[in-house]
């Protein structure tokens, strides 16, 4: 069953809150390009994940994407999915390497 909720990650405070939340439970960050067909297709699958989706629209919130890159050390791509746990990236993939199965596995891992 899909119970995802889209959370627009458009301020540094919201990003910091997501990082802090990852100390309690795994957190999904999804970098989305509104002008990319690949991103649109991958996003359809990502929306099926059984967790909140912290979405960064790269056209309008590139500074958030840059801060994620700085915090995690993971080079920016879009679409890109990153799962944080205890403030650290435990999974990341981009483009068609992003799968619902991988996301669910890393979001439910304790």
N, C-alpha and C. Protein backbone atom coordinates (compact mmCIF):
# COMPACT_ATOMS: atom_id res chain seq x y z
N UNK A 1 0.84 -1.19 0.00
CA UNK A 1 0.00 0.00 0.00
C UNK A 1 0.88 1.24 0.00
N UNK A 2 0.51 2.22 -0.77
CA UNK A 2 1.27 3.45 -0.89
C UNK A 2 0.74 4.47 0.11
N UNK A 3 1.63 4.91 1.01
CA UNK A 3 1.23 5.95 1.95
C UNK A 3 2.23 7.09 1.94
N UNK A 4 2.81 7.35 0.76
CA UNK A 4 3.83 8.40 0.68
C UNK A 4 3.19 9.78 0.79
N UNK A 5 4.00 10.71 1.25
CA UNK A 5 3.60 12.08 1.40
C UNK A 5 4.73 12.93 0.81
N UNK A 6 4.39 13.86 -0.06
CA UNK A 6 5.41 14.73 -0.64
C UNK A 6 5.67 15.91 0.28
N UNK A 7 6.93 16.09 0.62
CA UNK A 7 7.36 17.21 1.45
C UNK A 7 8.31 18.04 0.60
N UNK A 8 7.92 19.26 0.29
CA UNK A 8 8.77 20.12 -0.54
C UNK A 8 9.94 20.61 0.28
N UNK A 9 11.12 20.20 -0.11
CA UNK A 9 12.35 20.57 0.60
C UNK A 9 12.91 21.82 -0.08
N UNK A 10 12.44 23.00 0.37
CA UNK A 10 12.79 24.23 -0.32
C UNK A 10 13.46 25.27 0.57
N UNK A 11 13.83 24.87 1.79
CA UNK A 11 14.60 25.76 2.66
C UNK A 11 15.69 24.94 3.35
N UNK A 12 16.74 25.63 3.75
CA UNK A 12 17.81 24.94 4.48
C UNK A 12 17.31 24.42 5.82
N UNK A 13 16.36 25.11 6.44
CA UNK A 13 15.77 24.63 7.70
C UNK A 13 15.05 23.31 7.50
N UNK A 14 14.31 23.19 6.40
CA UNK A 14 13.61 21.93 6.11
C UNK A 14 14.61 20.81 5.85
N UNK A 15 15.70 21.12 5.16
CA UNK A 15 16.73 20.11 4.93
C UNK A 15 17.34 19.68 6.25
N UNK A 16 17.65 20.63 7.12
CA UNK A 16 18.23 20.28 8.42
C UNK A 16 17.26 19.42 9.22
N UNK A 17 15.97 19.73 9.15
CA UNK A 17 14.96 18.94 9.86
C UNK A 17 14.93 17.51 9.32
N UNK A 18 15.07 17.35 8.00
CA UNK A 18 15.08 16.01 7.40
C UNK A 18 16.32 15.24 7.86
N UNK A 19 17.46 15.92 7.93
CA UNK A 19 18.69 15.27 8.39
C UNK A 19 18.51 14.83 9.85
N UNK A 20 17.93 15.68 10.67
CA UNK A 20 17.69 15.33 12.07
C UNK A 20 16.69 14.17 12.19
N UNK A 21 15.65 14.19 11.35
CA UNK A 21 14.67 13.10 11.37
C UNK A 21 15.33 11.76 11.04
N UNK A 22 16.39 11.81 10.22
CA UNK A 22 17.07 10.56 9.82
C UNK A 22 17.76 9.90 11.01
N UNK A 23 17.88 10.59 12.10
CA UNK A 23 18.44 9.99 13.32
C UNK A 23 17.41 9.11 14.02
N UNK A 24 16.14 9.28 13.63
CA UNK A 24 15.03 8.50 14.20
C UNK A 24 14.59 7.39 13.25
N UNK A 25 14.52 7.74 11.94
CA UNK A 25 14.07 6.79 10.91
C UNK A 25 14.74 7.15 9.60
N UNK A 26 14.89 6.20 8.68
CA UNK A 26 15.47 6.53 7.37
C UNK A 26 14.63 7.58 6.65
N UNK A 27 15.30 8.48 5.93
CA UNK A 27 14.65 9.60 5.25
C UNK A 27 15.04 9.58 3.78
N UNK A 28 14.05 9.75 2.90
CA UNK A 28 14.28 9.79 1.46
C UNK A 28 14.34 11.23 0.97
N UNK A 29 15.44 11.56 0.28
CA UNK A 29 15.57 12.82 -0.43
C UNK A 29 15.50 12.50 -1.92
N UNK A 30 14.68 13.23 -2.66
CA UNK A 30 14.56 12.99 -4.09
C UNK A 30 14.76 14.29 -4.84
N UNK A 31 15.80 14.34 -5.66
CA UNK A 31 16.07 15.51 -6.51
C UNK A 31 15.34 15.29 -7.84
N UNK A 32 14.47 16.22 -8.15
CA UNK A 32 13.57 16.09 -9.31
C UNK A 32 13.75 17.27 -10.26
N UNK A 33 13.85 16.96 -11.54
CA UNK A 33 13.89 18.00 -12.57
C UNK A 33 12.54 18.02 -13.27
N UNK A 34 11.88 19.17 -13.23
CA UNK A 34 10.55 19.29 -13.84
C UNK A 34 10.61 19.35 -15.36
N UNK A 35 11.82 19.49 -15.93
CA UNK A 35 11.95 19.58 -17.38
C UNK A 35 12.56 18.33 -18.01
N UNK A 36 12.70 17.27 -17.22
CA UNK A 36 13.37 16.06 -17.70
C UNK A 36 12.39 14.90 -17.77
N UNK A 37 12.29 14.30 -18.93
CA UNK A 37 11.39 13.15 -19.10
C UNK A 37 11.80 11.96 -18.25
N UNK A 38 13.10 11.73 -18.12
CA UNK A 38 13.57 10.62 -17.28
C UNK A 38 13.13 10.86 -15.84
N UNK A 39 13.31 12.09 -15.35
CA UNK A 39 12.93 12.41 -13.99
C UNK A 39 11.43 12.20 -13.77
N UNK A 40 10.63 12.61 -14.73
CA UNK A 40 9.17 12.43 -14.61
C UNK A 40 8.81 10.95 -14.52
N UNK A 41 9.44 10.13 -15.34
CA UNK A 41 9.15 8.70 -15.31
C UNK A 41 9.59 8.05 -14.01
N UNK A 42 10.79 8.39 -13.55
CA UNK A 42 11.29 7.82 -12.30
C UNK A 42 10.43 8.30 -11.13
N UNK A 43 10.00 9.56 -11.16
CA UNK A 43 9.19 10.11 -10.08
C UNK A 43 7.87 9.35 -9.93
N UNK A 44 7.28 8.90 -11.04
CA UNK A 44 6.06 8.10 -10.96
C UNK A 44 6.29 6.86 -10.11
N UNK A 45 7.44 6.22 -10.27
CA UNK A 45 7.76 5.04 -9.47
C UNK A 45 8.07 5.42 -8.03
N UNK A 46 8.87 6.47 -7.84
CA UNK A 46 9.26 6.89 -6.50
C UNK A 46 8.02 7.21 -5.66
N UNK A 47 6.99 7.80 -6.27
CA UNK A 47 5.77 8.16 -5.53
C UNK A 47 5.06 6.94 -4.95
N UNK A 48 5.44 5.74 -5.39
CA UNK A 48 4.83 4.53 -4.87
C UNK A 48 5.50 4.03 -3.58
N UNK A 49 6.58 4.68 -3.16
CA UNK A 49 7.30 4.25 -1.96
C UNK A 49 6.41 4.45 -0.73
N UNK A 50 6.59 3.59 0.24
CA UNK A 50 5.78 3.63 1.45
C UNK A 50 6.49 4.47 2.52
N UNK A 51 6.72 5.74 2.20
CA UNK A 51 7.41 6.66 3.11
C UNK A 51 7.22 8.08 2.61
N UNK A 52 7.57 9.04 3.45
CA UNK A 52 7.55 10.44 3.01
C UNK A 52 8.65 10.65 1.98
N UNK A 53 8.39 11.51 1.02
CA UNK A 53 9.36 11.86 -0.01
C UNK A 53 9.70 13.33 0.15
N UNK A 54 10.94 13.61 0.53
CA UNK A 54 11.42 14.98 0.64
C UNK A 54 11.95 15.35 -0.74
N UNK A 55 11.18 16.17 -1.45
CA UNK A 55 11.48 16.45 -2.86
C UNK A 55 12.16 17.81 -3.02
N UNK A 56 13.22 17.81 -3.80
CA UNK A 56 13.94 19.04 -4.15
C UNK A 56 13.75 19.25 -5.64
N UNK A 57 13.07 20.31 -6.03
CA UNK A 57 12.92 20.65 -7.44
C UNK A 57 14.16 21.45 -7.83
N UNK A 58 15.01 20.83 -8.65
CA UNK A 58 16.34 21.42 -8.90
C UNK A 58 16.27 22.76 -9.63
N UNK A 59 15.24 23.00 -10.42
CA UNK A 59 15.14 24.28 -11.13
C UNK A 59 14.95 25.45 -10.17
N UNK A 60 14.22 25.23 -9.09
CA UNK A 60 13.91 26.34 -8.18
C UNK A 60 14.70 26.29 -6.88
N UNK A 61 15.23 25.14 -6.53
CA UNK A 61 15.89 24.99 -5.24
C UNK A 61 17.27 24.35 -5.37
N UNK A 62 18.04 24.85 -6.32
CA UNK A 62 19.37 24.29 -6.55
C UNK A 62 20.28 24.47 -5.33
N UNK A 63 20.07 25.54 -4.57
CA UNK A 63 20.89 25.74 -3.37
C UNK A 63 20.69 24.61 -2.35
N UNK A 64 19.50 24.04 -2.31
CA UNK A 64 19.23 22.90 -1.42
C UNK A 64 19.97 21.67 -1.96
N UNK A 65 19.89 21.47 -3.27
CA UNK A 65 20.61 20.37 -3.90
C UNK A 65 22.11 20.48 -3.64
N UNK A 66 22.64 21.69 -3.76
CA UNK A 66 24.07 21.91 -3.51
C UNK A 66 24.43 21.59 -2.06
N UNK A 67 23.55 21.95 -1.12
CA UNK A 67 23.82 21.67 0.29
C UNK A 67 23.76 20.16 0.57
N UNK A 68 22.86 19.45 -0.10
CA UNK A 68 22.81 17.99 0.03
C UNK A 68 24.12 17.39 -0.46
N UNK A 69 24.61 17.89 -1.59
CA UNK A 69 25.89 17.41 -2.12
C UNK A 69 27.02 17.69 -1.12
N UNK A 70 27.02 18.87 -0.55
CA UNK A 70 28.06 19.22 0.42
C UNK A 70 27.98 18.32 1.66
N UNK A 71 26.76 18.09 2.16
CA UNK A 71 26.57 17.31 3.38
C UNK A 71 26.92 15.83 3.17
N UNK A 72 26.52 15.29 2.01
CA UNK A 72 26.70 13.84 1.79
C UNK A 72 27.97 13.49 1.04
N UNK A 73 28.49 14.44 0.27
CA UNK A 73 29.63 14.14 -0.59
C UNK A 73 29.24 13.44 -1.88
N UNK A 74 27.94 13.34 -2.14
CA UNK A 74 27.43 12.67 -3.34
C UNK A 74 27.20 13.71 -4.43
N UNK A 75 27.89 13.53 -5.55
CA UNK A 75 27.80 14.45 -6.68
C UNK A 75 26.34 14.60 -7.14
N UNK A 76 25.94 15.83 -7.41
CA UNK A 76 24.57 16.11 -7.85
C UNK A 76 24.25 15.45 -9.19
N UNK A 77 23.08 14.84 -9.24
CA UNK A 77 22.47 14.38 -10.49
C UNK A 77 20.97 14.57 -10.32
N UNK A 78 20.23 14.52 -11.41
CA UNK A 78 18.78 14.49 -11.30
C UNK A 78 18.22 13.73 -12.50
N UNK A 79 17.28 12.85 -12.21
CA UNK A 79 16.76 12.55 -10.88
C UNK A 79 17.79 11.82 -10.04
N UNK A 80 17.64 11.99 -8.73
CA UNK A 80 18.54 11.34 -7.79
C UNK A 80 17.78 11.05 -6.50
N UNK A 81 17.97 9.85 -5.98
CA UNK A 81 17.38 9.47 -4.70
C UNK A 81 18.50 9.19 -3.72
N UNK A 82 18.35 9.72 -2.52
CA UNK A 82 19.32 9.51 -1.44
C UNK A 82 18.53 9.14 -0.19
N UNK A 83 18.95 8.07 0.47
CA UNK A 83 18.35 7.71 1.75
C UNK A 83 19.37 8.02 2.84
N UNK A 84 18.92 8.80 3.81
CA UNK A 84 19.76 9.15 4.96
C UNK A 84 19.35 8.34 6.17
N UNK A 85 20.34 7.93 6.93
CA UNK A 85 20.11 7.28 8.22
C UNK A 85 21.18 7.80 9.17
N UNK A 86 20.76 8.26 10.33
CA UNK A 86 21.69 8.86 11.30
C UNK A 86 22.51 9.98 10.68
N UNK A 87 21.87 10.75 9.80
CA UNK A 87 22.51 11.91 9.20
C UNK A 87 23.43 11.60 8.03
N UNK A 88 23.60 10.33 7.71
CA UNK A 88 24.53 9.92 6.65
C UNK A 88 23.79 9.22 5.52
N UNK A 89 24.32 9.34 4.31
CA UNK A 89 23.73 8.64 3.16
C UNK A 89 24.05 7.15 3.26
N UNK A 90 23.01 6.32 3.22
CA UNK A 90 23.19 4.87 3.24
C UNK A 90 22.84 4.26 1.88
N UNK A 91 22.26 5.07 0.99
CA UNK A 91 21.88 4.62 -0.35
C UNK A 91 21.78 5.84 -1.23
N UNK A 92 22.22 5.69 -2.47
CA UNK A 92 21.94 6.73 -3.46
C UNK A 92 21.98 6.09 -4.85
N UNK A 93 21.15 6.63 -5.72
CA UNK A 93 21.09 6.18 -7.11
C UNK A 93 20.54 7.33 -7.93
N UNK A 94 20.78 7.26 -9.23
CA UNK A 94 20.25 8.29 -10.11
C UNK A 94 19.66 7.64 -11.36
N UNK A 95 18.86 8.43 -12.04
CA UNK A 95 18.22 8.04 -13.29
C UNK A 95 17.52 6.69 -13.14
N UNK A 96 17.70 5.79 -14.10
CA UNK A 96 16.96 4.53 -14.09
C UNK A 96 17.50 3.52 -13.08
N UNK A 97 18.60 3.86 -12.39
CA UNK A 97 19.09 2.98 -11.33
C UNK A 97 18.24 3.10 -10.07
N UNK A 98 17.38 4.10 -10.00
CA UNK A 98 16.48 4.27 -8.86
C UNK A 98 15.33 3.28 -9.02
N UNK A 99 15.19 2.38 -8.04
CA UNK A 99 14.08 1.42 -8.12
C UNK A 99 13.26 1.47 -6.84
N UNK A 100 11.98 1.19 -6.98
CA UNK A 100 11.08 1.14 -5.84
C UNK A 100 11.54 0.08 -4.85
N UNK A 101 12.01 -1.06 -5.35
CA UNK A 101 12.45 -2.14 -4.48
C UNK A 101 13.63 -1.70 -3.62
N UNK A 102 14.63 -1.05 -4.24
CA UNK A 102 15.80 -0.58 -3.48
C UNK A 102 15.39 0.47 -2.45
N UNK A 103 14.52 1.39 -2.84
CA UNK A 103 14.09 2.43 -1.91
C UNK A 103 13.38 1.82 -0.71
N UNK A 104 12.43 0.94 -0.98
CA UNK A 104 11.69 0.32 0.13
C UNK A 104 12.63 -0.47 1.05
N UNK A 105 13.60 -1.17 0.45
CA UNK A 105 14.55 -1.93 1.25
C UNK A 105 15.33 -1.03 2.20
N UNK A 106 15.83 0.09 1.68
CA UNK A 106 16.64 0.98 2.52
C UNK A 106 15.82 1.83 3.46
N UNK A 107 14.57 2.07 3.12
CA UNK A 107 13.71 2.87 4.01
C UNK A 107 13.15 2.05 5.15
N UNK A 108 13.14 0.74 5.01
CA UNK A 108 12.61 -0.10 6.10
C UNK A 108 13.71 -0.76 6.89
N UNK A 109 14.96 -0.67 6.42
CA UNK A 109 16.09 -1.29 7.14
C UNK A 109 16.31 -0.57 8.46
N UNK A 110 16.54 -1.33 9.48
CA UNK A 110 16.80 -0.72 10.82
C UNK A 110 18.20 -0.81 11.21
